[in-house]
Amino acid sequence: MTELNAAHARRVIVEHARSLAESAATAGPDAAVPTAPKWTVTDLVEHVGQTHHWVAEIIERRITDPMQLPREMAQLPTDPGEWQAWLAESAQRVADACSDDALEAAVFNPAGDARSGTRFWISSLLNEAVVHGFDAADAANRPFDVDADIAAALISNHFAMLTSPNWEMQRPESANAVRGTGQTLQWLATDLADDTGAWFVERRPDGPTWQHGTQPADVTISGPAQSLLLTLTRRLLLADREATDISVDGDAGLAQHWLDNTAHVSG
């Protein structure tokens, strides 16, 4: 997995939190979130800000024992006029917590993979900021954009989560559904030239594996990295290929089955 640049990720978390706050102000607190149907904009803002503060505390306190994870959640201001400042503060707090000094510190990693805890949390928070930023922009009917390299890093994180040692414990239905007998899926970002924009997935009896690169596959899904990310996180529909700039070559049912059983973002 290509290592995510921590300094860049910290900046993007803060930038997308600011954009999310602007979208939330435009949409209004009671607006529905079409891509997270159970939520209003209030729920979305609360979730993102609380997650920032919760993770910041984990890293600041160097928590390694899951039994010691914070139990108190930050309170969303009752006045929506204060939300932008609250989100900005929470995003900056967690960006500061994920400092270079903390990158290799002993911190709880829920995935149980080879990443340090802080590097796991940076990727997770970046995913929250970008994907929920899209949710807020969609609710406000505002444009949304994420750089291709960030989208690609989040796609890699997506596959890392789905193949991590603890995924079966966290999401057993998903883990069982994506086992297979050798079925293969190729994901290709058309706006990235090297293998960082190519992901090859094989569904095996003991669980899926993935690697960067291109190989012949039962189905190949191609499109801009942003569209691939939003499709993988079920923010865009694979069936709506014209709107998402996505093309599918091969067994579309196999691709849809993967999507139906693998989204791991909140909402």
Protein backbone atom coordinates (compact mmCIF):
# COMPACT_ATOMS: atom_id res chain seq x y z
CA MET A 1 0.00 0.00 0.00
CA THR A 2 1.42 3.39 -0.97
CA GLU A 3 2.19 5.38 2.18
CA LEU A 4 -0.07 8.39 2.59
CA ASN A 5 1.83 11.65 3.02
CA ALA A 6 0.91 12.68 6.55
CA ALA A 7 1.48 16.42 6.13
CA HIS A 8 -0.69 16.49 3.01
CA ALA A 9 -3.37 14.40 4.72
CA ARG A 10 -3.49 16.75 7.71
CA ARG A 11 -4.01 19.75 5.42
CA VAL A 12 -6.74 17.97 3.46
CA ILE A 13 -8.60 16.97 6.64
CA VAL A 14 -8.73 20.62 7.71
CA GLU A 15 -9.65 21.85 4.21
CA HIS A 16 -12.45 19.35 3.70
CA ALA A 17 -13.82 19.98 7.20
CA ARG A 18 -14.04 23.65 6.31
CA SER A 19 -15.79 22.85 3.04
CA LEU A 20 -18.17 20.48 4.83
CA ALA A 21 -19.06 23.24 7.29
CA GLU A 22 -19.77 25.64 4.43
CA SER A 23 -22.03 23.06 2.76
CA ALA A 24 -23.83 22.42 6.05
CA ALA A 25 -24.49 26.14 6.47
CA THR A 26 -25.88 26.31 2.94
CA ALA A 27 -28.10 23.24 3.34
CA GLY A 28 -29.40 24.09 6.81
CA PRO A 29 -29.49 21.91 9.96
CA ASP A 30 -32.72 20.06 9.13
CA ALA A 31 -31.86 19.23 5.53
CA ALA A 32 -31.87 15.56 4.58
CA VAL A 33 -28.62 13.93 3.47
CA PRO A 34 -29.54 11.95 0.32
CA THR A 35 -26.38 9.80 0.42
CA ALA A 36 -26.90 8.96 4.12
CA PRO A 37 -30.69 8.62 4.24
CA LYS A 38 -31.00 8.19 8.01
CA TRP A 39 -29.19 11.46 8.70
CA THR A 40 -29.92 15.16 8.65
CA VAL A 41 -27.18 17.76 8.21
CA THR A 42 -27.20 18.15 12.00
CA ASP A 43 -26.37 14.44 12.38
CA LEU A 44 -23.61 14.73 9.81
CA VAL A 45 -21.92 17.72 11.45
CA GLU A 46 -22.21 16.15 14.90
CA HIS A 47 -20.72 12.86 13.71
CA VAL A 48 -17.72 14.44 11.99
CA GLY A 49 -16.89 16.85 14.80
CA GLN A 50 -17.29 14.22 17.50
CA THR A 51 -15.08 11.81 15.56
CA HIS A 52 -12.35 14.45 15.28
CA HIS A 53 -12.34 15.07 19.04
CA TRP A 54 -12.63 11.37 19.91
CA VAL A 55 -9.69 10.35 17.74
CA ALA A 56 -7.62 13.33 18.86
CA GLU A 57 -7.99 12.17 22.46
CA ILE A 58 -6.93 8.63 21.55
CA ILE A 59 -3.74 9.89 19.96
CA GLU A 60 -3.02 12.62 22.52
CA ARG A 61 -3.29 10.10 25.35
CA ARG A 62 -1.46 7.38 23.34
CA ILE A 63 -4.22 4.90 24.11
CA THR A 64 -3.30 1.33 23.17
CA ASP A 65 -5.95 -0.64 25.07
CA PRO A 66 -9.39 -0.64 23.40
CA MET A 67 -10.94 -0.92 26.86
CA GLN A 68 -9.56 2.55 27.59
CA LEU A 69 -11.07 4.31 24.57
CA PRO A 70 -12.84 7.61 25.37
CA ARG A 71 -16.43 7.23 26.50
CA GLU A 72 -17.46 10.88 26.47
CA MET A 73 -18.30 12.55 23.15
CA ALA A 74 -17.88 16.23 22.37
CA GLN A 75 -21.11 18.19 22.39
CA LEU A 76 -22.38 19.80 19.21
CA PRO A 77 -23.20 23.50 19.81
CA THR A 78 -26.94 24.07 19.84
CA ASP A 79 -26.55 27.19 17.71
CA PRO A 80 -25.86 26.22 14.05
CA GLY A 81 -24.10 29.55 13.69
CA GLU A 82 -21.30 28.10 15.83
CA TRP A 83 -20.84 24.92 13.81
CA GLN A 84 -18.25 26.21 11.38
CA ALA A 85 -15.95 27.30 14.20
CA TRP A 86 -16.60 24.05 16.09
CA LEU A 87 -15.71 21.89 13.06
CA ALA A 88 -12.64 23.99 12.30
CA GLU A 89 -11.45 23.61 15.90
CA SER A 90 -12.07 19.86 15.93
CA ALA A 91 -10.30 19.32 12.60
CA GLN A 92 -7.30 21.36 13.68
CA ARG A 93 -7.13 19.52 16.99
CA VAL A 94 -6.96 16.13 15.34
CA ALA A 95 -4.51 17.38 12.68
CA ASP A 96 -2.23 18.61 15.47
CA ALA A 97 -2.61 15.32 17.32
CA CYS A 98 -1.47 13.44 14.19
CA SER A 99 1.86 15.29 14.22
CA ASP A 100 5.03 13.79 12.83
CA ASP A 101 6.09 12.97 16.40
CA ALA A 102 2.97 10.83 16.83
CA LEU A 103 3.15 8.92 13.54
CA GLU A 104 4.96 5.87 14.90
CA ALA A 105 3.79 6.14 18.52
CA ALA A 106 2.04 3.23 20.20
CA VAL A 107 -1.67 3.93 19.54
CA PHE A 108 -4.61 1.55 19.16
CA ASN A 109 -5.21 0.44 15.54
CA PRO A 110 -8.69 -1.14 15.17
CA ALA A 111 -7.74 -2.76 11.86
CA GLY A 112 -4.96 -4.79 13.45
CA ASP A 113 -2.80 -4.42 10.36
CA ALA A 114 0.82 -3.35 9.99
CA ARG A 115 0.12 0.38 10.11
CA SER A 116 0.86 2.36 13.23
CA GLY A 117 -2.25 3.47 15.07
CA THR A 118 -1.78 7.10 14.12
CA ARG A 119 -1.33 6.27 10.44
CA PHE A 120 -4.51 4.19 10.58
CA TRP A 121 -6.41 7.10 12.11
CA ILE A 122 -5.08 9.63 9.60
CA SER A 123 -6.43 7.50 6.75
CA SER A 124 -9.74 6.96 8.52
CA LEU A 125 -10.19 10.65 9.31
CA LEU A 126 -9.27 11.61 5.78
CA ASN A 127 -11.92 9.20 4.53
CA GLU A 128 -14.46 10.75 6.91
CA ALA A 129 -13.61 14.29 5.80
CA VAL A 130 -13.76 13.54 2.09
CA VAL A 131 -16.73 11.17 1.92
CA HIS A 132 -18.85 13.08 4.41
CA GLY A 133 -17.75 16.28 2.71
CA PHE A 134 -19.37 14.89 -0.41
CA ASP A 135 -22.49 14.03 1.62
CA ALA A 136 -22.76 17.63 2.81
CA ALA A 137 -22.07 19.09 -0.63
CA ASP A 138 -24.73 16.85 -2.15
CA ALA A 139 -27.24 17.91 0.51
CA ALA A 140 -26.48 21.56 -0.28
CA ASN A 141 -26.37 21.06 -4.06
CA ARG A 142 -22.81 22.40 -4.08
CA PRO A 143 -19.94 21.20 -6.28
CA PHE A 144 -17.47 18.73 -4.82
CA ASP A 145 -13.92 17.90 -5.77
CA VAL A 146 -11.08 15.86 -4.30
CA ASP A 147 -7.59 15.55 -5.75
CA ALA A 148 -6.95 12.30 -7.62
CA ASP A 149 -3.99 11.36 -5.43
CA ILE A 150 -6.07 11.72 -2.26
CA ALA A 151 -8.93 9.74 -3.78
CA ALA A 152 -6.45 7.02 -4.76
CA ALA A 153 -4.99 6.88 -1.26
CA LEU A 154 -8.49 6.47 0.14
CA ILE A 155 -9.28 3.69 -2.33
CA SER A 156 -6.15 1.90 -1.13
CA ASN A 157 -7.28 2.46 2.46
CA HIS A 158 -10.69 1.04 1.54
CA PHE A 159 -9.15 -2.18 0.29
CA ALA A 160 -6.73 -2.30 3.23
CA MET A 161 -9.69 -2.16 5.62
CA LEU A 162 -11.60 -4.89 3.82
CA THR A 163 -8.60 -7.23 3.93
CA SER A 164 -7.35 -6.29 7.41
CA PRO A 165 -6.95 -8.93 10.15
CA ASN A 166 -9.86 -7.55 12.18
CA TRP A 167 -12.41 -6.98 9.40
CA GLU A 168 -14.12 -10.34 9.91
CA MET A 169 -14.54 -9.62 13.63
CA GLN A 170 -15.94 -6.13 12.94
CA ARG A 171 -18.09 -6.91 9.92
CA PRO A 172 -18.59 -10.71 9.67
CA GLU A 173 -21.40 -10.49 7.10
CA SER A 174 -19.22 -8.44 4.78
CA ALA A 175 -16.20 -10.67 5.30
CA ASN A 176 -18.20 -13.79 4.47
CA ALA A 177 -19.96 -12.23 1.48
CA VAL A 178 -16.76 -11.26 -0.33
CA ARG A 179 -15.08 -14.64 -0.08
CA GLY A 180 -14.91 -16.38 -3.43
CA THR A 181 -13.33 -19.03 -5.58
CA GLY A 182 -10.94 -16.89 -7.59
CA GLN A 183 -13.21 -14.19 -9.02
CA THR A 184 -11.22 -11.08 -9.92
CA LEU A 185 -11.98 -7.37 -10.12
CA GLN A 186 -9.76 -4.67 -11.62
CA TRP A 187 -10.27 -1.03 -10.60
CA LEU A 188 -8.54 1.58 -12.79
CA ALA A 189 -8.27 5.33 -12.21
CA THR A 190 -8.18 6.96 -15.62
CA ASP A 191 -6.61 10.18 -14.29
CA LEU A 192 -3.56 8.49 -12.74
CA ALA A 193 -0.82 7.11 -14.93
CA ASP A 194 1.04 4.69 -12.67
CA ASP A 195 0.11 1.66 -10.58
CA THR A 196 -1.01 3.84 -7.65
CA GLY A 197 -4.22 4.23 -9.67
CA ALA A 198 -4.74 0.50 -10.33
CA TRP A 199 -6.11 -2.02 -7.86
CA PHE A 200 -6.44 -5.76 -8.56
CA VAL A 201 -8.75 -7.72 -6.23
CA GLU A 202 -9.05 -11.52 -6.02
CA ARG A 203 -11.83 -13.18 -4.05
CA ARG A 204 -10.47 -16.33 -2.40
CA PRO A 205 -12.05 -18.92 -0.08
CA ASP A 206 -10.16 -17.47 2.90
CA GLY A 207 -10.98 -13.88 1.99
CA PRO A 208 -10.14 -11.29 -0.66
CA THR A 209 -6.67 -9.99 -1.44
CA TRP A 210 -5.64 -6.88 -3.31
CA GLN A 211 -2.53 -5.39 -4.86
CA HIS A 212 -1.60 -2.41 -6.97
CA GLY A 213 -1.25 -3.09 -10.70
CA THR A 214 -3.20 -4.39 -13.66
CA GLN A 215 -4.05 -7.96 -14.60
CA PRO A 216 -6.75 -9.62 -16.69
CA ALA A 217 -9.92 -9.74 -14.57
CA ASP A 218 -13.51 -10.96 -14.67
CA VAL A 219 -14.61 -7.33 -14.50
CA THR A 220 -12.75 -4.05 -14.96
CA ILE A 221 -14.20 -0.84 -13.53
CA SER A 222 -12.62 2.34 -14.89
CA GLY A 223 -13.09 6.04 -14.22
CA PRO A 224 -11.61 9.08 -12.50
CA ALA A 225 -10.25 8.33 -9.03
CA GLN A 226 -12.88 10.53 -7.38
CA SER A 227 -15.70 8.67 -9.12
CA LEU A 228 -14.20 5.30 -8.20
CA LEU A 229 -13.92 6.33 -4.54
CA LEU A 230 -17.48 7.62 -4.38
CA THR A 231 -18.71 4.46 -6.11
CA LEU A 232 -16.79 2.19 -3.73
CA THR A 233 -18.25 4.06 -0.76
CA ARG A 234 -21.73 3.85 -2.34
CA ARG A 235 -22.13 7.59 -2.72
CA LEU A 236 -22.54 7.15 -6.49
CA LEU A 237 -24.39 4.29 -8.12
CA LEU A 238 -22.52 1.96 -10.43
CA ALA A 239 -25.65 1.71 -12.57
CA ASP A 240 -25.54 5.48 -13.20
CA ARG A 241 -22.34 5.21 -15.22
CA GLU A 242 -23.01 8.17 -17.47
CA ALA A 243 -23.27 10.52 -14.50
CA THR A 244 -20.21 9.09 -12.75
CA ASP A 245 -17.83 8.71 -15.73
CA ILE A 246 -17.52 5.03 -14.81
CA SER A 247 -17.20 2.25 -17.38
CA VAL A 248 -17.58 -1.47 -16.69
CA ASP A 249 -16.07 -4.18 -18.88
CA GLY A 250 -17.02 -7.72 -17.98
CA ASP A 251 -19.23 -9.13 -15.24
CA ALA A 252 -21.10 -6.08 -13.92
CA GLY A 253 -22.98 -8.29 -11.47
CA LEU A 254 -19.70 -9.26 -9.82
CA ALA A 255 -18.80 -5.59 -9.38
CA GLN A 256 -22.23 -4.77 -7.97
CA HIS A 257 -22.07 -7.67 -5.52
CA TRP A 258 -18.74 -6.35 -4.26
CA LEU A 259 -20.19 -2.88 -3.76
CA ASP A 260 -23.30 -4.20 -2.04
CA ASN A 261 -21.19 -5.94 0.60
CA THR A 262 -18.17 -3.76 1.23
CA ALA A 263 -18.93 -0.12 2.09
CA HIS A 264 -17.32 0.66 5.45
CA VAL A 265 -17.92 4.40 5.90
CA SER A 266 -20.38 5.68 8.49
CA GLY A 267 -23.82 6.78 7.43
